[in-house]
Amino acid sequence: MTDREIAIEFTEMWDSFDVEEINSLLAKNVSMDLLEFFSSYASESFGELLSDDPVGHELERRLPNLMIIGYIIRVLEERLQE
């Protein structure tokens, strides 16, 4: 599989997961420190760029998830190369 195919496959799977499955995946692959880092980094890096309204707050809430998805895809790529 190419990196793009891995990313597409994973994001399709992610969209189908319920909260319990996502939490299980995160617990197995991402430490709590890393989750906190992504949340803090997203807020510090993009918080000023986002509007102070419900849409801006929702984007700020979702940015760490996007970063985590990218991280997990990279972990999968590395595991498939081993």
PDB file of N, CA and C in Angstrom:
ATOM      1  N   MET A   1       0.838  -1.197   0.000  1.00  0.00           N
ATOM      2  CA  MET A   1       0.000   0.000   0.000  1.00  0.00           C
ATOM      3  C   MET A   1       0.877   1.253   0.000  1.00  0.00           C
ATOM      4  N   THR A   2       0.422   2.255  -0.705  1.00  0.00           N
ATOM      5  CA  THR A   2       1.124   3.535  -0.684  1.00  0.00           C
ATOM      6  C   THR A   2       0.721   4.301   0.580  1.00  0.00           C
ATOM      7  N   ASP A   3       1.485   5.338   0.904  1.00  0.00           N
ATOM      8  CA  ASP A   3       1.145   6.165   2.059  1.00  0.00           C
ATOM      9  C   ASP A   3      -0.257   6.757   1.921  1.00  0.00           C
ATOM     10  N   ARG A   4      -0.597   7.181   0.710  1.00  0.00           N
ATOM     11  CA  ARG A   4      -1.926   7.748   0.464  1.00  0.00           C
ATOM     12  C   ARG A   4      -3.019   6.704   0.702  1.00  0.00           C
ATOM     13  N   GLU A   5      -2.811   5.490   0.233  1.00  0.00           N
ATOM     14  CA  GLU A   5      -3.799   4.428   0.414  1.00  0.00           C
ATOM     15  C   GLU A   5      -3.975   4.097   1.900  1.00  0.00           C
ATOM     16  N   ILE A   6      -2.874   4.103   2.633  1.00  0.00           N
ATOM     17  CA  ILE A   6      -2.946   3.860   4.078  1.00  0.00           C
ATOM     18  C   ILE A   6      -3.778   4.962   4.736  1.00  0.00           C
ATOM     19  N   ALA A   7      -3.507   6.215   4.375  1.00  0.00           N
ATOM     20  CA  ALA A   7      -4.234   7.343   4.956  1.00  0.00           C
ATOM     21  C   ALA A   7      -5.723   7.272   4.625  1.00  0.00           C
ATOM     22  N   ILE A   8      -6.040   6.968   3.392  1.00  0.00           N
ATOM     23  CA  ILE A   8      -7.453   6.871   2.987  1.00  0.00           C
ATOM     24  C   ILE A   8      -8.142   5.742   3.734  1.00  0.00           C
ATOM     25  N   GLU A   9      -7.511   4.591   3.771  1.00  0.00           N
ATOM     26  CA  GLU A   9      -8.083   3.432   4.471  1.00  0.00           C
ATOM     27  C   GLU A   9      -8.309   3.758   5.946  1.00  0.00           C
ATOM     28  N   PHE A  10      -7.310   4.366   6.573  1.00  0.00           N
ATOM     29  CA  PHE A  10      -7.440   4.665   7.995  1.00  0.00           C
ATOM     30  C   PHE A  10      -8.545   5.680   8.257  1.00  0.00           C
ATOM     31  N   THR A  11      -8.603   6.754   7.485  1.00  0.00           N
ATOM     32  CA  THR A  11      -9.630   7.760   7.737  1.00  0.00           C
ATOM     33  C   THR A  11     -11.034   7.208   7.493  1.00  0.00           C
ATOM     34  N   GLU A  12     -11.174   6.302   6.553  1.00  0.00           N
ATOM     35  CA  GLU A  12     -12.477   5.656   6.353  1.00  0.00           C
ATOM     36  C   GLU A  12     -12.841   4.804   7.564  1.00  0.00           C
ATOM     37  N   MET A  13     -11.853   4.088   8.103  1.00  0.00           N
ATOM     38  CA  MET A  13     -12.098   3.295   9.304  1.00  0.00           C
ATOM     39  C   MET A  13     -12.430   4.210  10.482  1.00  0.00           C
ATOM     40  N   TRP A  14     -11.651   5.288  10.649  1.00  0.00           N
ATOM     41  CA  TRP A  14     -11.849   6.221  11.764  1.00  0.00           C
ATOM     42  C   TRP A  14     -13.277   6.763  11.766  1.00  0.00           C
ATOM     43  N   ASP A  15     -13.767   7.128  10.579  1.00  0.00           N
ATOM     44  CA  ASP A  15     -15.119   7.662  10.465  1.00  0.00           C
ATOM     45  C   ASP A  15     -16.186   6.660  10.887  1.00  0.00           C
ATOM     46  N   SER A  16     -15.878   5.370  10.788  1.00  0.00           N
ATOM     47  CA  SER A  16     -16.858   4.350  11.143  1.00  0.00           C
ATOM     48  C   SER A  16     -16.782   3.935  12.616  1.00  0.00           C
ATOM     49  N   PHE A  17     -15.730   4.354  13.326  1.00  0.00           N
ATOM     50  CA  PHE A  17     -15.554   3.963  14.727  1.00  0.00           C
ATOM     51  C   PHE A  17     -16.536   4.694  15.633  1.00  0.00           C
ATOM     52  N   ASP A  18     -16.994   3.979  16.676  1.00  0.00           N
ATOM     53  CA  ASP A  18     -17.752   4.670  17.711  1.00  0.00           C
ATOM     54  C   ASP A  18     -16.765   5.160  18.773  1.00  0.00           C
ATOM     55  N   VAL A  19     -17.242   5.875  19.754  1.00  0.00           N
ATOM     56  CA  VAL A  19     -16.374   6.494  20.764  1.00  0.00           C
ATOM     57  C   VAL A  19     -15.520   5.448  21.484  1.00  0.00           C
ATOM     58  N   GLU A  20     -16.094   4.328  21.820  1.00  0.00           N
ATOM     59  CA  GLU A  20     -15.353   3.274  22.526  1.00  0.00           C
ATOM     60  C   GLU A  20     -14.195   2.736  21.680  1.00  0.00           C
ATOM     61  N   GLU A  21     -14.422   2.554  20.396  1.00  0.00           N
ATOM     62  CA  GLU A  21     -13.359   2.070  19.508  1.00  0.00           C
ATOM     63  C   GLU A  21     -12.246   3.109  19.353  1.00  0.00           C
ATOM     64  N   ILE A  22     -12.623   4.369  19.242  1.00  0.00           N
ATOM     65  CA  ILE A  22     -11.615   5.429  19.144  1.00  0.00           C
ATOM     66  C   ILE A  22     -10.788   5.491  20.422  1.00  0.00           C
ATOM     67  N   ASN A  23     -11.448   5.431  21.567  1.00  0.00           N
ATOM     68  CA  ASN A  23     -10.727   5.461  22.838  1.00  0.00           C
ATOM     69  C   ASN A  23      -9.778   4.281  22.974  1.00  0.00           C
ATOM     70  N   SER A  24     -10.196   3.114  22.529  1.00  0.00           N
ATOM     71  CA  SER A  24      -9.344   1.927  22.578  1.00  0.00           C
ATOM     72  C   SER A  24      -8.128   2.097  21.677  1.00  0.00           C
ATOM     73  N   LEU A  25      -8.340   2.591  20.478  1.00  0.00           N
ATOM     74  CA  LEU A  25      -7.237   2.826  19.544  1.00  0.00           C
ATOM     75  C   LEU A  25      -6.250   3.833  20.116  1.00  0.00           C
ATOM     76  N   LEU A  26      -6.775   4.905  20.692  1.00  0.00           N
ATOM     77  CA  LEU A  26      -5.905   5.919  21.282  1.00  0.00           C
ATOM     78  C   LEU A  26      -5.113   5.353  22.457  1.00  0.00           C
ATOM     79  N   ALA A  27      -5.771   4.587  23.308  1.00  0.00           N
ATOM     80  CA  ALA A  27      -5.099   4.019  24.482  1.00  0.00           C
ATOM     81  C   ALA A  27      -3.949   3.105  24.083  1.00  0.00           C
ATOM     82  N   LYS A  28      -4.092   2.410  22.971  1.00  0.00           N
ATOM     83  CA  LYS A  28      -3.058   1.479  22.517  1.00  0.00           C
ATOM     84  C   LYS A  28      -1.910   2.161  21.778  1.00  0.00           C
ATOM     85  N   ASN A  29      -2.129   3.354  21.248  1.00  0.00           N
ATOM     86  CA  ASN A  29      -1.151   3.956  20.352  1.00  0.00           C
ATOM     87  C   ASN A  29      -0.659   5.350  20.723  1.00  0.00           C
ATOM     88  N   VAL A  30      -1.351   6.032  21.613  1.00  0.00           N
ATOM     89  CA  VAL A  30      -1.010   7.420  21.915  1.00  0.00           C
ATOM     90  C   VAL A  30      -1.024   7.619  23.429  1.00  0.00           C
ATOM     91  N   SER A  31       0.098   8.089  23.974  1.00  0.00           N
ATOM     92  CA  SER A  31       0.167   8.316  25.418  1.00  0.00           C
ATOM     93  C   SER A  31      -0.666   9.542  25.806  1.00  0.00           C
ATOM     94  N   MET A  32      -1.021   9.608  27.076  1.00  0.00           N
ATOM     95  CA  MET A  32      -1.784  10.746  27.574  1.00  0.00           C
ATOM     96  C   MET A  32      -0.978  12.032  27.423  1.00  0.00           C
ATOM     97  N   ASP A  33       0.332  11.954  27.633  1.00  0.00           N
ATOM     98  CA  ASP A  33       1.179  13.139  27.448  1.00  0.00           C
ATOM     99  C   ASP A  33       1.094  13.662  26.015  1.00  0.00           C
ATOM    100  N   LEU A  34       1.088  12.752  25.054  1.00  0.00           N
ATOM    101  CA  LEU A  34       1.017  13.154  23.655  1.00  0.00           C
ATOM    102  C   LEU A  34      -0.355  13.759  23.328  1.00  0.00           C
ATOM    103  N   LEU A  35      -1.410  13.180  23.878  1.00  0.00           N
ATOM    104  CA  LEU A  35      -2.749  13.742  23.674  1.00  0.00           C
ATOM    105  C   LEU A  35      -2.819  15.169  24.222  1.00  0.00           C
ATOM    106  N   GLU A  36      -2.260  15.365  25.408  1.00  0.00           N
ATOM    107  CA  GLU A  36      -2.249  16.701  26.006  1.00  0.00           C
ATOM    108  C   GLU A  36      -1.402  17.660  25.169  1.00  0.00           C
ATOM    109  N   PHE A  37      -0.281  17.164  24.641  1.00  0.00           N
ATOM    110  CA  PHE A  37       0.566  18.000  23.792  1.00  0.00           C
ATOM    111  C   PHE A  37      -0.202  18.476  22.564  1.00  0.00           C
ATOM    112  N   PHE A  38      -0.871  17.553  21.872  1.00  0.00           N
ATOM    113  CA  PHE A  38      -1.604  17.930  20.660  1.00  0.00           C
ATOM    114  C   PHE A  38      -2.670  18.975  20.980  1.00  0.00           C
ATOM    115  N   SER A  39      -3.360  18.801  22.078  1.00  0.00           N
ATOM    116  CA  SER A  39      -4.404  19.746  22.466  1.00  0.00           C
ATOM    117  C   SER A  39      -3.807  21.125  22.757  1.00  0.00           C
ATOM    118  N   SER A  40      -2.737  21.142  23.522  1.00  0.00           N
ATOM    119  CA  SER A  40      -2.076  22.401  23.862  1.00  0.00           C
ATOM    120  C   SER A  40      -1.479  23.061  22.626  1.00  0.00           C
ATOM    121  N   TYR A  41      -0.813  22.278  21.795  1.00  0.00           N
ATOM    122  CA  TYR A  41      -0.177  22.815  20.593  1.00  0.00           C
ATOM    123  C   TYR A  41      -1.208  23.424  19.649  1.00  0.00           C
ATOM    124  N   ALA A  42      -2.311  22.731  19.443  1.00  0.00           N
ATOM    125  CA  ALA A  42      -3.354  23.245  18.545  1.00  0.00           C
ATOM    126  C   ALA A  42      -3.901  24.566  19.065  1.00  0.00           C
ATOM    127  N   SER A  43      -4.144  24.625  20.361  1.00  0.00           N
ATOM    128  CA  SER A  43      -4.683  25.841  20.954  1.00  0.00           C
ATOM    129  C   SER A  43      -3.694  27.003  20.840  1.00  0.00           C
ATOM    130  N   GLU A  44      -2.425  26.739  21.159  1.00  0.00           N
ATOM    131  CA  GLU A  44      -1.412  27.789  21.109  1.00  0.00           C
ATOM    132  C   GLU A  44      -1.113  28.227  19.675  1.00  0.00           C
ATOM    133  N   SER A  45      -1.086  27.278  18.753  1.00  0.00           N
ATOM    134  CA  SER A  45      -0.697  27.588  17.377  1.00  0.00           C
ATOM    135  C   SER A  45      -1.806  28.198  16.543  1.00  0.00           C
ATOM    136  N   PHE A  46      -3.027  27.777  16.796  1.00  0.00           N
ATOM    137  CA  PHE A  46      -4.117  28.202  15.926  1.00  0.00           C
ATOM    138  C   PHE A  46      -5.202  29.000  16.631  1.00  0.00           C
ATOM    139  N   GLY A  47      -5.140  29.047  17.963  1.00  0.00           N
ATOM    140  CA  GLY A  47      -6.186  29.722  18.718  1.00  0.00           C
ATOM    141  C   GLY A  47      -6.428  31.152  18.289  1.00  0.00           C
ATOM    142  N   GLU A  48      -5.354  31.909  18.038  1.00  0.00           N
ATOM    143  CA  GLU A  48      -5.504  33.309  17.645  1.00  0.00           C
ATOM    144  C   GLU A  48      -6.060  33.469  16.229  1.00  0.00           C
ATOM    145  N   LEU A  49      -5.917  32.450  15.413  1.00  0.00           N
ATOM    146  CA  LEU A  49      -6.401  32.521  14.034  1.00  0.00           C
ATOM    147  C   LEU A  49      -7.887  32.207  13.917  1.00  0.00           C
ATOM    148  N   LEU A  50      -8.419  31.575  14.935  1.00  0.00           N
ATOM    149  CA  LEU A  50      -9.811  31.145  14.885  1.00  0.00           C
ATOM    150  C   LEU A  50     -10.730  32.207  15.460  1.00  0.00           C
ATOM    151  N   SER A  51     -11.902  32.304  14.890  1.00  0.00           N
ATOM    152  CA  SER A  51     -12.865  33.296  15.363  1.00  0.00           C
ATOM    153  C   SER A  51     -13.394  32.914  16.740  1.00  0.00           C
ATOM    154  N   ASP A  52     -13.794  33.906  17.509  1.00  0.00           N
ATOM    155  CA  ASP A  52     -14.328  33.686  18.847  1.00  0.00           C
ATOM    156  C   ASP A  52     -15.850  33.531  18.764  1.00  0.00           C
ATOM    157  N   ASP A  53     -16.243  32.468  18.087  1.00  0.00           N
ATOM    158  CA  ASP A  53     -17.658  32.143  17.940  1.00  0.00           C
ATOM    159  C   ASP A  53     -17.786  30.620  17.959  1.00  0.00           C
ATOM    160  N   PRO A  54     -18.988  30.092  17.900  1.00  0.00           N
ATOM    161  CA  PRO A  54     -19.143  28.628  17.976  1.00  0.00           C
ATOM    162  C   PRO A  54     -18.356  27.862  16.908  1.00  0.00           C
ATOM    163  N   VAL A  55     -18.243  28.406  15.709  1.00  0.00           N
ATOM    164  CA  VAL A  55     -17.497  27.721  14.649  1.00  0.00           C
ATOM    165  C   VAL A  55     -16.011  27.680  14.995  1.00  0.00           C
ATOM    166  N   GLY A  56     -15.467  28.794  15.458  1.00  0.00           N
ATOM    167  CA  GLY A  56     -14.069  28.845  15.849  1.00  0.00           C
ATOM    168  C   GLY A  56     -13.769  27.907  17.001  1.00  0.00           C
ATOM    169  N   HIS A  57     -14.664  27.851  17.977  1.00  0.00           N
ATOM    170  CA  HIS A  57     -14.474  26.953  19.121  1.00  0.00           C
ATOM    171  C   HIS A  57     -14.540  25.482  18.691  1.00  0.00           C
ATOM    172  N   GLU A  58     -15.426  25.185  17.769  1.00  0.00           N
ATOM    173  CA  GLU A  58     -15.529  23.811  17.271  1.00  0.00           C
ATOM    174  C   GLU A  58     -14.275  23.422  16.499  1.00  0.00           C
ATOM    175  N   LEU A  59     -13.764  24.325  15.689  1.00  0.00           N
ATOM    176  CA  LEU A  59     -12.514  24.046  14.974  1.00  0.00           C
ATOM    177  C   LEU A  59     -11.355  23.831  15.949  1.00  0.00           C
ATOM    178  N   GLU A  60     -11.275  24.643  16.983  1.00  0.00           N
ATOM    179  CA  GLU A  60     -10.218  24.489  17.975  1.00  0.00           C
ATOM    180  C   GLU A  60     -10.340  23.145  18.692  1.00  0.00           C
ATOM    181  N   ARG A  61     -11.561  22.697  18.917  1.00  0.00           N
ATOM    182  CA  ARG A  61     -11.791  21.408  19.565  1.00  0.00           C
ATOM    183  C   ARG A  61     -11.387  20.242  18.656  1.00  0.00           C
ATOM    184  N   ARG A  62     -11.584  20.415  17.346  1.00  0.00           N
ATOM    185  CA  ARG A  62     -11.313  19.326  16.405  1.00  0.00           C
ATOM    186  C   ARG A  62      -9.862  19.255  15.919  1.00  0.00           C
ATOM    187  N   LEU A  63      -9.133  20.330  15.987  1.00  0.00           N
ATOM    188  CA  LEU A  63      -7.748  20.340  15.492  1.00  0.00           C
ATOM    189  C   LEU A  63      -6.869  19.273  16.142  1.00  0.00           C
ATOM    190  N   PRO A  64      -6.914  19.088  17.459  1.00  0.00           N
ATOM    191  CA  PRO A  64      -6.088  18.028  18.046  1.00  0.00           C
ATOM    192  C   PRO A  64      -6.425  16.648  17.476  1.00  0.00           C
ATOM    193  N   ASN A  65      -7.709  16.401  17.190  1.00  0.00           N
ATOM    194  CA  ASN A  65      -8.099  15.119  16.612  1.00  0.00           C
ATOM    195  C   ASN A  65      -7.443  14.907  15.259  1.00  0.00           C
ATOM    196  N   LEU A  66      -7.408  15.959  14.460  1.00  0.00           N
ATOM    197  CA  LEU A  66      -6.775  15.882  13.147  1.00  0.00           C
ATOM    198  C   LEU A  66      -5.291  15.579  13.282  1.00  0.00           C
ATOM    199  N   MET A  67      -4.647  16.218  14.246  1.00  0.00           N
ATOM    200  CA  MET A  67      -3.229  15.978  14.477  1.00  0.00           C
ATOM    201  C   MET A  67      -2.992  14.543  14.951  1.00  0.00           C
ATOM    202  N   ILE A  68      -3.865  14.048  15.806  1.00  0.00           N
ATOM    203  CA  ILE A  68      -3.743  12.674  16.307  1.00  0.00           C
ATOM    204  C   ILE A  68      -3.923  11.677  15.169  1.00  0.00           C
ATOM    205  N   ILE A  69      -4.875  11.928  14.287  1.00  0.00           N
ATOM    206  CA  ILE A  69      -5.081  11.044  13.139  1.00  0.00           C
ATOM    207  C   ILE A  69      -3.811  10.993  12.298  1.00  0.00           C
ATOM    208  N   GLY A  70      -3.203  12.142  12.039  1.00  0.00           N
ATOM    209  CA  GLY A  70      -1.951  12.174  11.276  1.00  0.00           C
ATOM    210  C   GLY A  70      -0.856  11.392  11.970  1.00  0.00           C
ATOM    211  N   TYR A  71      -0.768  11.534  13.275  1.00  0.00           N
ATOM    212  CA  TYR A  71       0.242  10.806  14.047  1.00  0.00           C
ATOM    213  C   TYR A  71       0.008   9.297  13.943  1.00  0.00           C
ATOM    214  N   ILE A  72      -1.222   8.867  14.124  1.00  0.00           N
ATOM    215  CA  ILE A  72      -1.531   7.431  14.075  1.00  0.00           C
ATOM    216  C   ILE A  72      -1.270   6.870  12.682  1.00  0.00           C
ATOM    217  N   ILE A  73      -1.597   7.616  11.641  1.00  0.00           N
ATOM    218  CA  ILE A  73      -1.302   7.161  10.277  1.00  0.00           C
ATOM    219  C   ILE A  73       0.196   6.958  10.114  1.00  0.00           C
ATOM    220  N   ARG A  74       0.984   7.873  10.645  1.00  0.00           N
ATOM    221  CA  ARG A  74       2.452   7.740  10.555  1.00  0.00           C
ATOM    222  C   ARG A  74       2.932   6.498  11.308  1.00  0.00           C
ATOM    223  N   VAL A  75       2.359   6.235  12.474  1.00  0.00           N
ATOM    224  CA  VAL A  75       2.703   5.030  13.237  1.00  0.00           C
ATOM    225  C   VAL A  75       2.367   3.782  12.419  1.00  0.00           C
ATOM    226  N   LEU A  76       1.212   3.778  11.775  1.00  0.00           N
ATOM    227  CA  LEU A  76       0.821   2.634  10.935  1.00  0.00           C
ATOM    228  C   LEU A  76       1.787   2.437   9.779  1.00  0.00           C
ATOM    229  N   GLU A  77       2.180   3.548   9.142  1.00  0.00           N
ATOM    230  CA  GLU A  77       3.125   3.453   8.033  1.00  0.00           C
ATOM    231  C   GLU A  77       4.435   2.805   8.495  1.00  0.00           C
ATOM    232  N   GLU A  78       4.920   3.246   9.649  1.00  0.00           N
ATOM    233  CA  GLU A  78       6.166   2.694  10.173  1.00  0.00           C
ATOM    234  C   GLU A  78       6.032   1.211  10.497  1.00  0.00           C
ATOM    235  N   ARG A  79       4.905   0.826  11.074  1.00  0.00           N
ATOM    236  CA  ARG A  79       4.695  -0.584  11.418  1.00  0.00           C
ATOM    237  C   ARG A  79       4.586  -1.462  10.183  1.00  0.00           C
ATOM    238  N   LEU A  80       3.998  -0.935   9.136  1.00  0.00           N
ATOM    239  CA  LEU A  80       3.879  -1.711   7.898  1.00  0.00           C
ATOM    240  C   LEU A  80       5.211  -1.863   7.182  1.00  0.00           C
ATOM    241  N   GLN A  81       6.144  -0.941   7.418  1.00  0.00           N
ATOM    242  CA  GLN A  81       7.452  -1.002   6.791  1.00  0.00           C
ATOM    243  C   GLN A  81       8.403  -1.965   7.507  1.00  0.00           C
ATOM    244  N   GLU A  82       8.080  -2.329   8.732  1.00  0.00           N
ATOM    245  CA  GLU A  82       8.953  -3.219   9.509  1.00  0.00           C
ATOM    246  C   GLU A  82       8.913  -4.630   8.979  1.00  0.00           C
TER     247      GLU A  82
END
